[in-house]
Structures are given as structure tokens and as C-alpha cells.
Amino acid sequence: TTKLKSKLAFDKDILAINYAIETVNRTVYLIGIAQDQ
């Protein structure tokens, strides 16, 4: 989770604030709103 948040935060083409992340047993769950596909 920490690693993914960091990747999103430093990607200038992603508004990371619009995503919430949970990880359970190495499965990542994403929820939020994307600007586009």
C-alpha cells in the first residue's frame, strides 16, 4: 500500500488524491475517481 501510494504521488499524470487503496493478502483494492481511462 505504501509503495503504491508513493508511485501514484510521484506520477505527474495521476491525481493521486482521488484514489483510496487497501491491500489484503497481497491483493490490491482501488476505489475513487479517475480523470479518464
Full PDB file with SEQRES, HELIX, SHEET, SSBOND, CRYST1, ORIGX, SCALE, CONECT and MASTER records, all heavy atoms in Angstrom:
SEQRES   1 A   37  THR THR LYS LEU LYS SER LYS LEU ALA PHE ASP LYS ASP          
SEQRES   2 A   37  ILE LEU ALA ILE ASN TYR ALA ILE GLU THR VAL ASN ARG          
SEQRES   3 A   37  THR VAL TYR LEU ILE GLY ILE ALA GLN ASP GLN                  
HELIX    1 AA1 THR A    2  ALA A    9  1                                   8    
HELIX    2 AA2 ALA A   16  ASN A   18  5                                   3    
SHEET    1 AA1 2 TYR A  19  VAL A  24  0                                        
SHEET    2 AA1 2 THR A  27  GLY A  32 -1                                        
CRYST1    1.000    1.000    1.000  90.00  90.00  90.00 P 1           1          
ORIGX1      1.000000  0.000000  0.000000        0.00000                         
ORIGX2      0.000000  1.000000  0.000000        0.00000                         
ORIGX3      0.000000  0.000000  1.000000        0.00000                         
SCALE1      1.000000  0.000000  0.000000        0.00000                         
SCALE2      0.000000  1.000000  0.000000        0.00000                         
SCALE3      0.000000  0.000000  1.000000        0.00000                         
ATOM      1  N   THR A   1       0.825  -1.208   0.000  1.00  0.00           N  
ATOM      2  CA  THR A   1       0.000   0.000   0.000  1.00  0.00           C  
ATOM      3  C   THR A   1       0.858   1.257   0.000  1.00  0.00           C  
ATOM      4  O   THR A   1       0.612   2.197  -0.770  1.00  0.00           O  
ATOM      5  CB  THR A   1      -0.937   0.020   1.221  1.00  0.00           C  
ATOM      6  OG1 THR A   1      -1.817  -1.110   1.163  1.00  0.00           O  
ATOM      7  CG2 THR A   1      -1.772   1.297   1.258  1.00  0.00           C  
ATOM      8  N   THR A   2       1.877   1.276   0.848  1.00  0.00           N  
ATOM      9  CA  THR A   2       2.772   2.428   0.931  1.00  0.00           C  
ATOM     10  C   THR A   2       3.519   2.636  -0.377  1.00  0.00           C  
ATOM     11  O   THR A   2       3.658   3.769  -0.861  1.00  0.00           O  
ATOM     12  CB  THR A   2       3.789   2.241   2.075  1.00  0.00           C  
ATOM     13  OG1 THR A   2       3.085   2.062   3.306  1.00  0.00           O  
ATOM     14  CG2 THR A   2       4.700   3.458   2.196  1.00  0.00           C  
ATOM     15  N   LYS A   3       3.984   1.542  -0.957  1.00  0.00           N  
ATOM     16  CA  LYS A   3       4.720   1.602  -2.221  1.00  0.00           C  
ATOM     17  C   LYS A   3       3.837   2.163  -3.331  1.00  0.00           C  
ATOM     18  O   LYS A   3       4.269   3.032  -4.114  1.00  0.00           O  
ATOM     19  CB  LYS A   3       5.203   0.198  -2.600  1.00  0.00           C  
ATOM     20  CG  LYS A   3       6.080   0.125  -3.842  1.00  0.00           C  
ATOM     21  CD  LYS A   3       7.475   0.636  -3.571  1.00  0.00           C  
ATOM     22  CE  LYS A   3       8.395   0.391  -4.760  1.00  0.00           C  
ATOM     23  NZ  LYS A   3       9.761   0.923  -4.523  1.00  0.00           N  
ATOM     24  N   LEU A   4       2.600   1.689  -3.421  1.00  0.00           N  
ATOM     25  CA  LEU A   4       1.697   2.146  -4.477  1.00  0.00           C  
ATOM     26  C   LEU A   4       1.328   3.613  -4.290  1.00  0.00           C  
ATOM     27  O   LEU A   4       1.282   4.377  -5.260  1.00  0.00           O  
ATOM     28  CB  LEU A   4       0.437   1.283  -4.508  1.00  0.00           C  
ATOM     29  CG  LEU A   4      -0.591   1.638  -5.586  1.00  0.00           C  
ATOM     30  CD1 LEU A   4       0.052   1.679  -6.968  1.00  0.00           C  
ATOM     31  CD2 LEU A   4      -1.746   0.641  -5.563  1.00  0.00           C  
ATOM     32  N   LYS A   5       1.070   4.021  -3.063  1.00  0.00           N  
ATOM     33  CA  LYS A   5       0.755   5.432  -2.803  1.00  0.00           C  
ATOM     34  C   LYS A   5       1.904   6.325  -3.243  1.00  0.00           C  
ATOM     35  O   LYS A   5       1.691   7.410  -3.795  1.00  0.00           O  
ATOM     36  CB  LYS A   5       0.457   5.643  -1.321  1.00  0.00           C  
ATOM     37  CG  LYS A   5      -0.899   5.116  -0.887  1.00  0.00           C  
ATOM     38  CD  LYS A   5      -1.153   5.398   0.584  1.00  0.00           C  
ATOM     39  CE  LYS A   5      -2.546   4.936   1.002  1.00  0.00           C  
ATOM     40  NZ  LYS A   5      -2.826   5.209   2.429  1.00  0.00           N  
ATOM     41  N   SER A   6       3.113   5.871  -2.991  1.00  0.00           N  
ATOM     42  CA  SER A   6       4.288   6.638  -3.393  1.00  0.00           C  
ATOM     43  C   SER A   6       4.388   6.746  -4.908  1.00  0.00           C  
ATOM     44  O   SER A   6       4.659   7.817  -5.462  1.00  0.00           O  
ATOM     45  CB  SER A   6       5.555   5.979  -2.837  1.00  0.00           C  
ATOM     46  OG  SER A   6       6.710   6.665  -3.264  1.00  0.00           O  
ATOM     47  N   LYS A   7       4.156   5.634  -5.597  1.00  0.00           N  
ATOM     48  CA  LYS A   7       4.210   5.627  -7.065  1.00  0.00           C  
ATOM     49  C   LYS A   7       3.176   6.595  -7.656  1.00  0.00           C  
ATOM     50  O   LYS A   7       3.469   7.343  -8.596  1.00  0.00           O  
ATOM     51  CB  LYS A   7       3.965   4.205  -7.597  1.00  0.00           C  
ATOM     52  CG  LYS A   7       5.169   3.267  -7.477  1.00  0.00           C  
ATOM     53  CD  LYS A   7       4.797   1.879  -7.970  1.00  0.00           C  
ATOM     54  CE  LYS A   7       5.999   0.949  -8.008  1.00  0.00           C  
ATOM     55  NZ  LYS A   7       6.927   1.273  -9.100  1.00  0.00           N  
ATOM     56  N   LEU A   8       1.965   6.582  -7.113  1.00  0.00           N  
ATOM     57  CA  LEU A   8       0.913   7.448  -7.623  1.00  0.00           C  
ATOM     58  C   LEU A   8       1.216   8.918  -7.333  1.00  0.00           C  
ATOM     59  O   LEU A   8       0.980   9.799  -8.170  1.00  0.00           O  
ATOM     60  CB  LEU A   8      -0.441   7.079  -7.017  1.00  0.00           C  
ATOM     61  CG  LEU A   8      -0.957   5.656  -7.247  1.00  0.00           C  
ATOM     62  CD1 LEU A   8      -2.420   5.552  -6.789  1.00  0.00           C  
ATOM     63  CD2 LEU A   8      -0.838   5.243  -8.702  1.00  0.00           C  
ATOM     64  N   ALA A   9       1.743   9.167  -6.135  1.00  0.00           N  
ATOM     65  CA  ALA A   9       2.028  10.539  -5.729  1.00  0.00           C  
ATOM     66  C   ALA A   9       3.080  11.204  -6.611  1.00  0.00           C  
ATOM     67  O   ALA A   9       3.020  12.411  -6.871  1.00  0.00           O  
ATOM     68  CB  ALA A   9       2.480  10.573  -4.271  1.00  0.00           C  
ATOM     69  N   PHE A  10       4.036  10.431  -7.088  1.00  0.00           N  
ATOM     70  CA  PHE A  10       5.126  10.999  -7.868  1.00  0.00           C  
ATOM     71  C   PHE A  10       4.940  10.840  -9.381  1.00  0.00           C  
ATOM     72  O   PHE A  10       5.840  11.153 -10.147  1.00  0.00           O  
ATOM     73  CB  PHE A  10       6.462  10.394  -7.429  1.00  0.00           C  
ATOM     74  CG  PHE A  10       6.899  10.892  -6.074  1.00  0.00           C  
ATOM     75  CD1 PHE A  10       6.693  10.117  -4.945  1.00  0.00           C  
ATOM     76  CD2 PHE A  10       7.483  12.145  -5.933  1.00  0.00           C  
ATOM     77  CE1 PHE A  10       7.072  10.583  -3.687  1.00  0.00           C  
ATOM     78  CE2 PHE A  10       7.865  12.608  -4.686  1.00  0.00           C  
ATOM     79  CZ  PHE A  10       7.659  11.834  -3.551  1.00  0.00           C  
ATOM     80  N   ASP A  11       3.749  10.387  -9.772  1.00  0.00           N  
ATOM     81  CA  ASP A  11       3.427  10.329 -11.191  1.00  0.00           C  
ATOM     82  C   ASP A  11       2.647  11.597 -11.543  1.00  0.00           C  
ATOM     83  O   ASP A  11       1.505  11.767 -11.116  1.00  0.00           O  
ATOM     84  CB  ASP A  11       2.587   9.082 -11.503  1.00  0.00           C  
ATOM     85  CG  ASP A  11       2.364   8.872 -12.995  1.00  0.00           C  
ATOM     86  OD1 ASP A  11       2.264   9.881 -13.730  1.00  0.00           O  
ATOM     87  OD2 ASP A  11       2.290   7.704 -13.427  1.00  0.00           O  
ATOM     88  N   LYS A  12       3.253  12.490 -12.307  1.00  0.00           N  
ATOM     89  CA  LYS A  12       2.642  13.791 -12.617  1.00  0.00           C  
ATOM     90  C   LYS A  12       1.368  13.663 -13.447  1.00  0.00           C  
ATOM     91  O   LYS A  12       0.590  14.618 -13.547  1.00  0.00           O  
ATOM     92  CB  LYS A  12       3.641  14.682 -13.359  1.00  0.00           C  
ATOM     93  CG  LYS A  12       4.117  14.137 -14.694  1.00  0.00           C  
ATOM     94  CD  LYS A  12       5.149  15.062 -15.326  1.00  0.00           C  
ATOM     95  CE  LYS A  12       5.665  14.510 -16.664  1.00  0.00           C  
ATOM     96  NZ  LYS A  12       4.582  14.328 -17.648  1.00  0.00           N  
ATOM     97  N   ASP A  13       1.134  12.508 -14.035  1.00  0.00           N  
ATOM     98  CA  ASP A  13      -0.059  12.309 -14.851  1.00  0.00           C  
ATOM     99  C   ASP A  13      -1.218  11.672 -14.083  1.00  0.00           C  
ATOM    100  O   ASP A  13      -2.224  11.268 -14.670  1.00  0.00           O  
ATOM    101  CB  ASP A  13       0.277  11.441 -16.074  1.00  0.00           C  
ATOM    102  CG  ASP A  13       1.234  12.142 -17.031  1.00  0.00           C  
ATOM    103  OD1 ASP A  13       1.052  13.357 -17.250  1.00  0.00           O  
ATOM    104  OD2 ASP A  13       2.154  11.484 -17.538  1.00  0.00           O  
ATOM    105  N   ILE A  14      -1.048  11.568 -12.758  1.00  0.00           N  
ATOM    106  CA  ILE A  14      -2.087  10.970 -11.912  1.00  0.00           C  
ATOM    107  C   ILE A  14      -2.433  11.906 -10.761  1.00  0.00           C  
ATOM    108  O   ILE A  14      -1.539  12.410 -10.079  1.00  0.00           O  
ATOM    109  CB  ILE A  14      -1.622   9.612 -11.337  1.00  0.00           C  
ATOM    110  CG1 ILE A  14      -1.443   8.589 -12.459  1.00  0.00           C  
ATOM    111  CG2 ILE A  14      -2.631   9.082 -10.309  1.00  0.00           C  
ATOM    112  CD1 ILE A  14      -0.864   7.269 -11.986  1.00  0.00           C  
ATOM    113  N   LEU A  15      -3.726  12.154 -10.550  1.00  0.00           N  
ATOM    114  CA  LEU A  15      -4.183  12.909  -9.381  1.00  0.00           C  
ATOM    115  C   LEU A  15      -4.392  11.902  -8.252  1.00  0.00           C  
ATOM    116  O   LEU A  15      -5.494  11.376  -8.047  1.00  0.00           O  
ATOM    117  CB  LEU A  15      -5.479  13.658  -9.701  1.00  0.00           C  
ATOM    118  CG  LEU A  15      -5.351  14.825 -10.686  1.00  0.00           C  
ATOM    119  CD1 LEU A  15      -6.720  15.466 -10.939  1.00  0.00           C  
ATOM    120  CD2 LEU A  15      -4.385  15.882 -10.155  1.00  0.00           C  
ATOM    121  N   ALA A  16      -3.311  11.627  -7.541  1.00  0.00           N  
ATOM    122  CA  ALA A  16      -3.324  10.559  -6.536  1.00  0.00           C  
ATOM    123  C   ALA A  16      -4.335  10.781  -5.429  1.00  0.00           C  
ATOM    124  O   ALA A  16      -4.818   9.821  -4.810  1.00  0.00           O  
ATOM    125  CB  ALA A  16      -1.914  10.407  -5.944  1.00  0.00           C  
ATOM    126  N   ILE A  17      -4.674  12.033  -5.152  1.00  0.00           N  
ATOM    127  CA  ILE A  17      -5.605  12.343  -4.067  1.00  0.00           C  
ATOM    128  C   ILE A  17      -6.981  11.740  -4.306  1.00  0.00           C  
ATOM    129  O   ILE A  17      -7.781  11.586  -3.384  1.00  0.00           O  
ATOM    130  CB  ILE A  17      -5.719  13.873  -3.890  1.00  0.00           C  
ATOM    131  CG1 ILE A  17      -6.389  14.231  -2.559  1.00  0.00           C  
ATOM    132  CG2 ILE A  17      -6.457  14.511  -5.056  1.00  0.00           C  
ATOM    133  CD1 ILE A  17      -5.587  13.852  -1.348  1.00  0.00           C  
ATOM    134  N   ASN A  18      -7.284  11.379  -5.544  1.00  0.00           N  
ATOM    135  CA  ASN A  18      -8.601  10.841  -5.883  1.00  0.00           C  
ATOM    136  C   ASN A  18      -8.711   9.325  -5.732  1.00  0.00           C  
ATOM    137  O   ASN A  18      -9.726   8.735  -6.134  1.00  0.00           O  
ATOM    138  CB  ASN A  18      -8.973  11.217  -7.323  1.00  0.00           C  
ATOM    139  CG  ASN A  18      -9.300  12.693  -7.458  1.00  0.00           C  
ATOM    140  OD1 ASN A  18      -9.881  13.286  -6.562  1.00  0.00           O  
ATOM    141  ND2 ASN A  18      -8.912  13.286  -8.572  1.00  0.00           N  
ATOM    142  N   TYR A  19      -7.680   8.702  -5.163  1.00  0.00           N  
ATOM    143  CA  TYR A  19      -7.682   7.244  -5.037  1.00  0.00           C  
ATOM    144  C   TYR A  19      -7.496   6.810  -3.582  1.00  0.00           C  
ATOM    145  O   TYR A  19      -6.722   7.411  -2.841  1.00  0.00           O  
ATOM    146  CB  TYR A  19      -6.558   6.624  -5.877  1.00  0.00           C  
ATOM    147  CG  TYR A  19      -6.713   6.860  -7.362  1.00  0.00           C  
ATOM    148  CD1 TYR A  19      -6.202   8.002  -7.961  1.00  0.00           C  
ATOM    149  CD2 TYR A  19      -7.387   5.941  -8.170  1.00  0.00           C  
ATOM    150  CE1 TYR A  19      -6.353   8.238  -9.316  1.00  0.00           C  
ATOM    151  CE2 TYR A  19      -7.539   6.160  -9.530  1.00  0.00           C  
ATOM    152  CZ  TYR A  19      -7.021   7.306 -10.094  1.00  0.00           C  
ATOM    153  OH  TYR A  19      -7.181   7.535 -11.445  1.00  0.00           O  
ATOM    154  N   ALA A  20      -8.227   5.774  -3.202  1.00  0.00           N  
ATOM    155  CA  ALA A  20      -8.041   5.135  -1.898  1.00  0.00           C  
ATOM    156  C   ALA A  20      -7.587   3.708  -2.165  1.00  0.00           C  
ATOM    157  O   ALA A  20      -8.050   3.062  -3.111  1.00  0.00           O  
ATOM    158  CB  ALA A  20      -9.334   5.147  -1.099  1.00  0.00           C  
ATOM    159  N   ILE A  21      -6.665   3.228  -1.338  1.00  0.00           N  
ATOM    160  CA  ILE A  21      -6.037   1.919  -1.576  1.00  0.00           C  
ATOM    161  C   ILE A  21      -6.109   1.047  -0.324  1.00  0.00           C  
ATOM    162  O   ILE A  21      -5.842   1.506   0.785  1.00  0.00           O  
ATOM    163  CB  ILE A  21      -4.555   2.098  -1.965  1.00  0.00           C  
ATOM    164  CG1 ILE A  21      -4.429   3.022  -3.181  1.00  0.00           C  
ATOM    165  CG2 ILE A  21      -3.891   0.745  -2.224  1.00  0.00           C  
ATOM    166  CD1 ILE A  21      -3.017   3.537  -3.390  1.00  0.00           C  
ATOM    167  N   GLU A  22      -6.478  -0.203  -0.500  1.00  0.00           N  
ATOM    168  CA  GLU A  22      -6.406  -1.202   0.567  1.00  0.00           C  
ATOM    169  C   GLU A  22      -5.721  -2.439   0.000  1.00  0.00           C  
ATOM    170  O   GLU A  22      -5.934  -2.791  -1.171  1.00  0.00           O  
ATOM    171  CB  GLU A  22      -7.805  -1.581   1.064  1.00  0.00           C  
ATOM    172  CG  GLU A  22      -8.506  -0.514   1.874  1.00  0.00           C  
ATOM    173  CD  GLU A  22      -8.006  -0.411   3.296  1.00  0.00           C  
ATOM    174  OE1 GLU A  22      -7.183  -1.263   3.696  1.00  0.00           O  
ATOM    175  OE2 GLU A  22      -8.440   0.507   4.011  1.00  0.00           O  
ATOM    176  N   THR A  23      -4.907  -3.094   0.813  1.00  0.00           N  
ATOM    177  CA  THR A  23      -4.249  -4.328   0.384  1.00  0.00           C  
ATOM    178  C   THR A  23      -4.503  -5.421   1.412  1.00  0.00           C  
ATOM    179  O   THR A  23      -4.289  -5.214   2.612  1.00  0.00           O  
ATOM    180  CB  THR A  23      -2.728  -4.120   0.224  1.00  0.00           C  
ATOM    181  OG1 THR A  23      -2.482  -3.004  -0.637  1.00  0.00           O  
ATOM    182  CG2 THR A  23      -2.082  -5.366  -0.369  1.00  0.00           C  
ATOM    183  N   VAL A  24      -4.982  -6.561   0.942  1.00  0.00           N  
ATOM    184  CA  VAL A  24      -5.242  -7.699   1.821  1.00  0.00           C  
ATOM    185  C   VAL A  24      -4.678  -8.955   1.171  1.00  0.00           C  
ATOM    186  O   VAL A  24      -5.036  -9.292   0.038  1.00  0.00           O  
ATOM    187  CB  VAL A  24      -6.756  -7.889   2.068  1.00  0.00           C  
ATOM    188  CG1 VAL A  24      -6.993  -9.094   2.980  1.00  0.00           C  
ATOM    189  CG2 VAL A  24      -7.358  -6.634   2.677  1.00  0.00           C  
ATOM    190  N   ASN A  25      -3.786  -9.632   1.896  1.00  0.00           N  
ATOM    191  CA  ASN A  25      -3.168 -10.849   1.380  1.00  0.00           C  
ATOM    192  C   ASN A  25      -2.598 -10.647  -0.028  1.00  0.00           C  
ATOM    193  O   ASN A  25      -2.812 -11.464  -0.930  1.00  0.00           O  
ATOM    194  CB  ASN A  25      -4.161 -12.012   1.394  1.00  0.00           C  
ATOM    195  CG  ASN A  25      -4.513 -12.429   2.815  1.00  0.00           C  
ATOM    196  OD1 ASN A  25      -3.734 -12.232   3.749  1.00  0.00           O  
ATOM    197  ND2 ASN A  25      -5.690 -12.988   2.985  1.00  0.00           N  
ATOM    198  N   ARG A  26      -1.946  -9.506  -0.217  1.00  0.00           N  
ATOM    199  CA  ARG A  26      -1.254  -9.128  -1.451  1.00  0.00           C  
ATOM    200  C   ARG A  26      -2.195  -8.848  -2.629  1.00  0.00           C  
ATOM    201  O   ARG A  26      -1.757  -8.736  -3.771  1.00  0.00           O  
ATOM    202  CB  ARG A  26      -0.201 -10.177  -1.831  1.00  0.00           C  
ATOM    203  CG  ARG A  26       0.937 -10.276  -0.822  1.00  0.00           C  
ATOM    204  CD  ARG A  26       2.039 -11.176  -1.305  1.00  0.00           C  
ATOM    205  NE  ARG A  26       1.631 -12.556  -1.385  1.00  0.00           N  
ATOM    206  CZ  ARG A  26       2.316 -13.509  -2.008  1.00  0.00           C  
ATOM    207  NH1 ARG A  26       3.452 -13.205  -2.627  1.00  0.00           N  
ATOM    208  NH2 ARG A  26       1.888 -14.756  -2.031  1.00  0.00           N  
ATOM    209  N   THR A  27      -3.494  -8.734  -2.344  1.00  0.00           N  
ATOM    210  CA  THR A  27      -4.447  -8.272  -3.350  1.00  0.00           C  
ATOM    211  C   THR A  27      -4.722  -6.791  -3.101  1.00  0.00           C  
ATOM    212  O   THR A  27      -5.076  -6.405  -1.979  1.00  0.00           O  
ATOM    213  CB  THR A  27      -5.766  -9.062  -3.283  1.00  0.00           C  
ATOM    214  OG1 THR A  27      -5.532 -10.406  -3.703  1.00  0.00           O  
ATOM    215  CG2 THR A  27      -6.815  -8.442  -4.207  1.00  0.00           C  
ATOM    216  N   VAL A  28      -4.567  -5.970  -4.127  1.00  0.00           N  
ATOM    217  CA  VAL A  28      -4.770  -4.529  -4.017  1.00  0.00           C  
ATOM    218  C   VAL A  28      -6.191  -4.169  -4.440  1.00  0.00           C  
ATOM    219  O   VAL A  28      -6.657  -4.599  -5.499  1.00  0.00           O  
ATOM    220  CB  VAL A  28      -3.766  -3.759  -4.897  1.00  0.00           C  
ATOM    221  CG1 VAL A  28      -4.063  -2.258  -4.874  1.00  0.00           C  
ATOM    222  CG2 VAL A  28      -2.337  -4.017  -4.428  1.00  0.00           C  
ATOM    223  N   TYR A  29      -6.865  -3.379  -3.601  1.00  0.00           N  
ATOM    224  CA  TYR A  29      -8.210  -2.911  -3.914  1.00  0.00           C  
ATOM    225  C   TYR A  29      -8.161  -1.399  -4.108  1.00  0.00           C  
ATOM    226  O   TYR A  29      -7.634  -0.670  -3.269  1.00  0.00           O  
ATOM    227  CB  TYR A  29      -9.179  -3.256  -2.779  1.00  0.00           C  
ATOM    228  CG  TYR A  29      -9.307  -4.742  -2.536  1.00  0.00           C  
ATOM    229  CD1 TYR A  29      -8.522  -5.381  -1.568  1.00  0.00           C  
ATOM    230  CD2 TYR A  29     -10.199  -5.511  -3.276  1.00  0.00           C  
ATOM    231  CE1 TYR A  29      -8.629  -6.745  -1.350  1.00  0.00           C  
ATOM    232  CE2 TYR A  29     -10.312  -6.879  -3.063  1.00  0.00           C  
ATOM    233  CZ  TYR A  29      -9.522  -7.496  -2.107  1.00  0.00           C  
ATOM    234  OH  TYR A  29      -9.627  -8.835  -1.893  1.00  0.00           O  
ATOM    235  N   LEU A  30      -8.723  -0.923  -5.216  1.00  0.00           N  
ATOM    236  CA  LEU A  30      -8.729   0.502  -5.541  1.00  0.00           C  
ATOM    237  C   LEU A  30     -10.151   1.034  -5.608  1.00  0.00           C  
ATOM    238  O   LEU A  30     -11.045   0.381  -6.153  1.00  0.00           O  
ATOM    239  CB  LEU A  30      -8.065   0.732  -6.901  1.00  0.00           C  
ATOM    240  CG  LEU A  30      -6.602   0.279  -7.052  1.00  0.00           C  
ATOM    241  CD1 LEU A  30      -6.196   0.344  -8.523  1.00  0.00           C  
ATOM    242  CD2 LEU A  30      -5.684   1.158  -6.205  1.00  0.00           C  
ATOM    243  N   ILE A  31     -10.360   2.236  -5.058  1.00  0.00           N  
ATOM    244  CA  ILE A  31     -11.643   2.913  -5.174  1.00  0.00           C  
ATOM    245  C   ILE A  31     -11.358   4.402  -5.302  1.00  0.00           C  
ATOM    246  O   ILE A  31     -10.353   4.904  -4.793  1.00  0.00           O  
ATOM    247  CB  ILE A  31     -12.550   2.624  -3.953  1.00  0.00           C  
ATOM    248  CG1 ILE A  31     -13.977   3.134  -4.214  1.00  0.00           C  
ATOM    249  CG2 ILE A  31     -11.986   3.209  -2.674  1.00  0.00           C  
ATOM    250  CD1 ILE A  31     -14.994   2.703  -3.164  1.00  0.00           C  
ATOM    251  N   GLY A  32     -12.231   5.117  -6.019  1.00  0.00           N  
ATOM    252  CA  GLY A  32     -12.031   6.543  -6.217  1.00  0.00           C  
ATOM    253  C   GLY A  32     -12.555   6.984  -7.552  1.00  0.00           C  
ATOM    254  O   GLY A  32     -13.471   6.366  -8.111  1.00  0.00           O  
ATOM    255  N   ILE A  33     -11.973   8.064  -8.080  1.00  0.00           N  
ATOM    256  CA  ILE A  33     -12.396   8.602  -9.373  1.00  0.00           C  
ATOM    257  C   ILE A  33     -11.170   8.901 -10.231  1.00  0.00           C  
ATOM    258  O   ILE A  33     -10.254   9.602  -9.803  1.00  0.00           O  
ATOM    259  CB  ILE A  33     -13.215   9.896  -9.200  1.00  0.00           C  
ATOM    260  CG1 ILE A  33     -14.524   9.609  -8.457  1.00  0.00           C  
ATOM    261  CG2 ILE A  33     -13.516  10.527 -10.559  1.00  0.00           C  
ATOM    262  CD1 ILE A  33     -15.373  10.827  -8.220  1.00  0.00           C  
ATOM    263  N   ALA A  34     -11.167   8.360 -11.454  1.00  0.00           N  
ATOM    264  CA  ALA A  34     -10.088   8.609 -12.407  1.00  0.00           C  
ATOM    265  C   ALA A  34     -10.494   9.724 -13.358  1.00  0.00           C  
ATOM    266  O   ALA A  34     -11.665   9.833 -13.733  1.00  0.00           O  
ATOM    267  CB  ALA A  34      -9.774   7.342 -13.193  1.00  0.00           C  
ATOM    268  N   GLN A  35      -9.530  10.546 -13.756  1.00  0.00           N  
ATOM    269  CA  GLN A  35      -9.819  11.625 -14.691  1.00  0.00           C  
ATOM    270  C   GLN A  35     -10.257  11.083 -16.049  1.00  0.00           C  
ATOM    271  O   GLN A  35     -11.118  11.643 -16.704  1.00  0.00           O  
ATOM    272  CB  GLN A  35      -8.579  12.510 -14.863  1.00  0.00           C  
ATOM    273  CG  GLN A  35      -8.152  13.233 -13.598  1.00  0.00           C  
ATOM    274  CD  GLN A  35      -9.237  14.157 -13.065  1.00  0.00           C  
ATOM    275  OE1 GLN A  35      -9.601  15.128 -13.726  1.00  0.00           O  
ATOM    276  NE2 GLN A  35      -9.764  13.847 -11.895  1.00  0.00           N  
ATOM    277  N   ASP A  36      -9.651   9.989 -16.454  1.00  0.00           N  
ATOM    278  CA  ASP A  36     -10.008   9.352 -17.722  1.00  0.00           C  
ATOM    279  C   ASP A  36      -9.446   7.929 -17.733  1.00  0.00           C  
ATOM    280  O   ASP A  36      -8.784   7.509 -16.785  1.00  0.00           O  
ATOM    281  CB  ASP A  36      -9.478  10.146 -18.924  1.00  0.00           C  
ATOM    282  CG  ASP A  36      -7.997  10.485 -18.793  1.00  0.00           C  
ATOM    283  OD1 ASP A  36      -7.221   9.624 -18.324  1.00  0.00           O  
ATOM    284  OD2 ASP A  36      -7.614  11.614 -19.157  1.00  0.00           O  
ATOM    285  N   GLN A  37      -9.710   7.214 -18.807  1.00  0.00           N  
ATOM    286  CA  GLN A  37      -9.268   5.824 -18.914  1.00  0.00           C  
ATOM    287  C   GLN A  37      -7.756   5.711 -18.924  1.00  0.00           C  
ATOM    288  O   GLN A  37      -7.176   4.756 -18.403  1.00  0.00           O  
ATOM    289  CB  GLN A  37      -9.844   5.188 -20.183  1.00  0.00           C  
ATOM    290  CG  GLN A  37      -9.674   3.679 -20.250  1.00  0.00           C  
ATOM    291  CD  GLN A  37     -10.396   2.947 -19.132  1.00  0.00           C  
ATOM    292  OE1 GLN A  37     -11.592   3.163 -18.920  1.00  0.00           O  
ATOM    293  NE2 GLN A  37      -9.685   2.086 -18.407  1.00  0.00           N  
TER     294      GLN A  37                                                      
MASTER        0    0    0    2    2    0    0    6  293    1    0    3          
END                                                                             
